[in-house]
Structures are given as structure tokens and as C-alpha cells.
C-alpha atoms as a PDB file:
ATOM      1  CA  GLU A   1      -6.368  26.418 -47.032  1.00  0.00           C
ATOM      2  CA  HIS A   2      -7.522  22.912 -46.177  1.00  0.00           C
ATOM      3  CA  VAL A   3     -11.324  23.773 -46.220  1.00  0.00           C
ATOM      4  CA  ARG A   4     -11.122  25.776 -49.445  1.00  0.00           C
ATOM      5  CA  GLY A   5      -8.855  22.906 -51.041  1.00  0.00           C
ATOM      6  CA  GLN A   6     -11.733  20.611 -50.295  1.00  0.00           C
ATOM      7  CA  LEU A   7     -14.590  22.881 -51.591  1.00  0.00           C
ATOM      8  CA  LEU A   8     -12.751  24.302 -54.788  1.00  0.00           C
ATOM      9  CA  PRO A   9     -11.060  22.914 -57.769  1.00  0.00           C
ATOM     10  CA  PHE A  10      -7.484  22.872 -57.434  1.00  0.00           C
ATOM     11  CA  ASP A  11      -7.037  25.742 -59.845  1.00  0.00           C
ATOM     12  CA  HIS A  12      -9.713  28.212 -58.524  1.00  0.00           C
ATOM     13  CA  PRO A  13      -8.473  31.624 -58.004  1.00  0.00           C
ATOM     14  CA  ASP A  14      -9.643  32.042 -54.622  1.00  0.00           C
ATOM     15  CA  LEU A  15      -7.607  28.956 -53.626  1.00  0.00           C
ATOM     16  CA  TYR A  16      -4.546  30.708 -54.929  1.00  0.00           C
ATOM     17  CA  ALA A  17      -5.270  33.912 -53.050  1.00  0.00           C
ATOM     18  CA  THR A  18      -5.730  31.975 -49.903  1.00  0.00           C
ATOM     19  CA  LYS A  19      -2.569  30.089 -50.472  1.00  0.00           C
ATOM     20  CA  TYR A  20      -0.548  33.321 -51.213  1.00  0.00           C
ATOM     21  CA  SER A  21      -2.265  35.005 -47.850  1.00  0.00           C
ATOM     22  CA  LEU A  22      -1.110  31.965 -45.655  1.00  0.00           C
ATOM     23  CA  ALA A  23       2.424  32.157 -47.202  1.00  0.00           C
ATOM     24  CA  GLU A  24       2.713  35.791 -46.338  1.00  0.00           C
ATOM     25  CA  LEU A  25       1.492  34.980 -42.862  1.00  0.00           C
ATOM     26  CA  LEU A  26       4.030  32.120 -42.449  1.00  0.00           C
ATOM     27  CA  GLU A  27       6.925  34.515 -43.650  1.00  0.00           C
ATOM     28  CA  ALA A  28       5.652  37.218 -41.265  1.00  0.00           C
ATOM     29  CA  MET A  29       6.038  34.494 -38.490  1.00  0.00           C
ATOM     30  CA  GLY A  30       9.396  33.603 -39.399  1.00  0.00           C
ATOM     31  CA  GLU A  31       8.428  30.356 -41.322  1.00  0.00           C
ATOM     32  CA  GLN A  32      10.403  31.073 -44.432  1.00  0.00           C
ATOM     33  CA  ASP A  33      10.603  27.486 -45.407  1.00  0.00           C
ATOM     34  CA  GLU A  34       6.870  26.820 -45.286  1.00  0.00           C
ATOM     35  CA  ALA A  35       6.063  30.004 -46.979  1.00  0.00           C
ATOM     36  CA  ASN A  36       8.252  29.140 -49.913  1.00  0.00           C
ATOM     37  CA  VAL A  37       6.738  25.518 -50.196  1.00  0.00           C
ATOM     38  CA  LEU A  38       3.277  27.296 -50.678  1.00  0.00           C
ATOM     39  CA  ARG A  39       4.667  29.790 -53.052  1.00  0.00           C
ATOM     40  CA  GLN A  40       6.259  27.121 -55.141  1.00  0.00           C
ATOM     41  CA  GLU A  41       3.074  25.125 -54.993  1.00  0.00           C
ATOM     42  CA  ILE A  42       1.409  28.139 -56.560  1.00  0.00           C
ATOM     43  CA  ILE A  43       3.942  28.507 -59.184  1.00  0.00           C
ATOM     44  CA  ASP A  44       3.758  24.858 -60.248  1.00  0.00           C
ATOM     45  CA  THR A  45       0.198  24.683 -60.620  1.00  0.00           C
ATOM     46  CA  TYR A  46      -0.864  28.215 -61.718  1.00  0.00           C
ATOM     47  CA  ASP A  47      -2.013  28.497 -65.417  1.00  0.00           C
ATOM     48  CA  PRO A  48      -3.335  31.803 -66.163  1.00  0.00           C
ATOM     49  CA  PRO A  49      -6.127  31.954 -68.749  1.00  0.00           C
ATOM     50  CA  SER A  50      -4.700  32.728 -72.410  1.00  0.00           C
ATOM     51  CA  SER A  51      -5.804  36.347 -73.971  1.00  0.00           C
ATOM     52  CA  SER A  52      -8.300  34.493 -76.201  1.00  0.00           C
ATOM     53  CA  GLU A  53     -10.156  33.059 -73.345  1.00  0.00           C
ATOM     54  CA  THR A  54     -10.041  36.542 -71.322  1.00  0.00           C
ATOM     55  CA  GLU A  55     -11.260  38.259 -74.574  1.00  0.00           C
ATOM     56  CA  LYS A  56     -14.174  35.848 -74.948  1.00  0.00           C
ATOM     57  CA  ALA A  57     -15.048  36.084 -71.317  1.00  0.00           C
ATOM     58  CA  GLU A  58     -15.030  39.806 -71.779  1.00  0.00           C
ATOM     59  CA  GLU A  59     -17.443  39.339 -74.886  1.00  0.00           C
ATOM     60  CA  GLU A  60     -19.914  37.144 -72.978  1.00  0.00           C
ATOM     61  CA  ASP A  61     -20.062  39.650 -70.099  1.00  0.00           C
ATOM     62  CA  LYS A  62     -20.895  42.363 -72.929  1.00  0.00           C
ATOM     63  CA  GLU A  63     -23.614  40.282 -74.299  1.00  0.00           C
ATOM     64  CA  GLU A  64     -25.598  39.845 -70.994  1.00  0.00           C
ATOM     65  CA  GLU A  65     -28.838  41.540 -70.620  1.00  0.00           C
ATOM     66  CA  PRO A  66     -28.898  44.484 -68.427  1.00  0.00           C
ATOM     67  CA  LEU A  67     -31.267  44.055 -65.130  1.00  0.00           C
ATOM     68  CA  GLY A  68     -33.493  46.639 -66.178  1.00  0.00           C
ATOM     69  CA  ARG A  69     -33.169  48.446 -62.766  1.00  0.00           C
ATOM     70  CA  VAL A  70     -32.115  52.000 -62.292  1.00  0.00           C
ATOM     71  CA  VAL A  71     -31.071  53.103 -58.857  1.00  0.00           C
ATOM     72  CA  VAL A  72     -31.210  57.093 -58.239  1.00  0.00           C
ATOM     73  CA  VAL A  73     -29.360  58.593 -55.441  1.00  0.00           C
ATOM     74  CA  GLU A  74     -29.960  62.147 -54.768  1.00  0.00           C
ATOM     75  CA  LYS A  75     -27.862  64.085 -52.193  1.00  0.00           C
ATOM     76  CA  THR A  76     -29.962  65.578 -49.418  1.00  0.00           C
ATOM     77  CA  VAL A  77     -29.253  68.411 -46.992  1.00  0.00           C
ATOM     78  CA  ALA A  78     -29.432  67.175 -43.251  1.00  0.00           C
ATOM     79  CA  SER A  79     -31.462  69.280 -41.063  1.00  0.00           C
ATOM     80  CA  LYS A  80     -29.784  71.124 -38.241  1.00  0.00           C
ATOM     81  CA  SER A  81     -31.544  70.209 -35.041  1.00  0.00           C
END
């Protein structure tokens, strides 16, 4: 968590995922109080994107140009040798 906290902004989704995983690990190790501190930190700082922000991001994804590459995968029969 410390390294990710230095590299990522405080509200980055990967940082929340790391904190959540660490909280789960702490709970499994019997460290309930420490796990709850991390969970509370997640609750206190998490601000999910509004639906309009989500819709805008989806629209931007649709507007991106395709890469122009097509990959064809064909099923082949393996020889018996």
C-alpha cells in the first residue's frame, strides 16, 4: 500500500483495490482492528464518479478510432504422430 500510495493519486481505483485486499488479508490473519481502519479509510475517501461522468467516458470510448487491425483465428486439427 505504501508504494502505491506514493505512485498513485489518493483516489486512484488501484489504490482502493490494494487497500481492500490488504484489509481482507489482515482480517484473515486475525487483525480485525487494523482491517477495519483500512476499510474506514476507503469509505471516508471514496467518491464514485457520477452517472454523467460515466456516460461521458463511455461516449469518448465509442468515439475513438478503431485500430484497423483484424486478427483471424482458425481452428486447426492437430496431427496424430
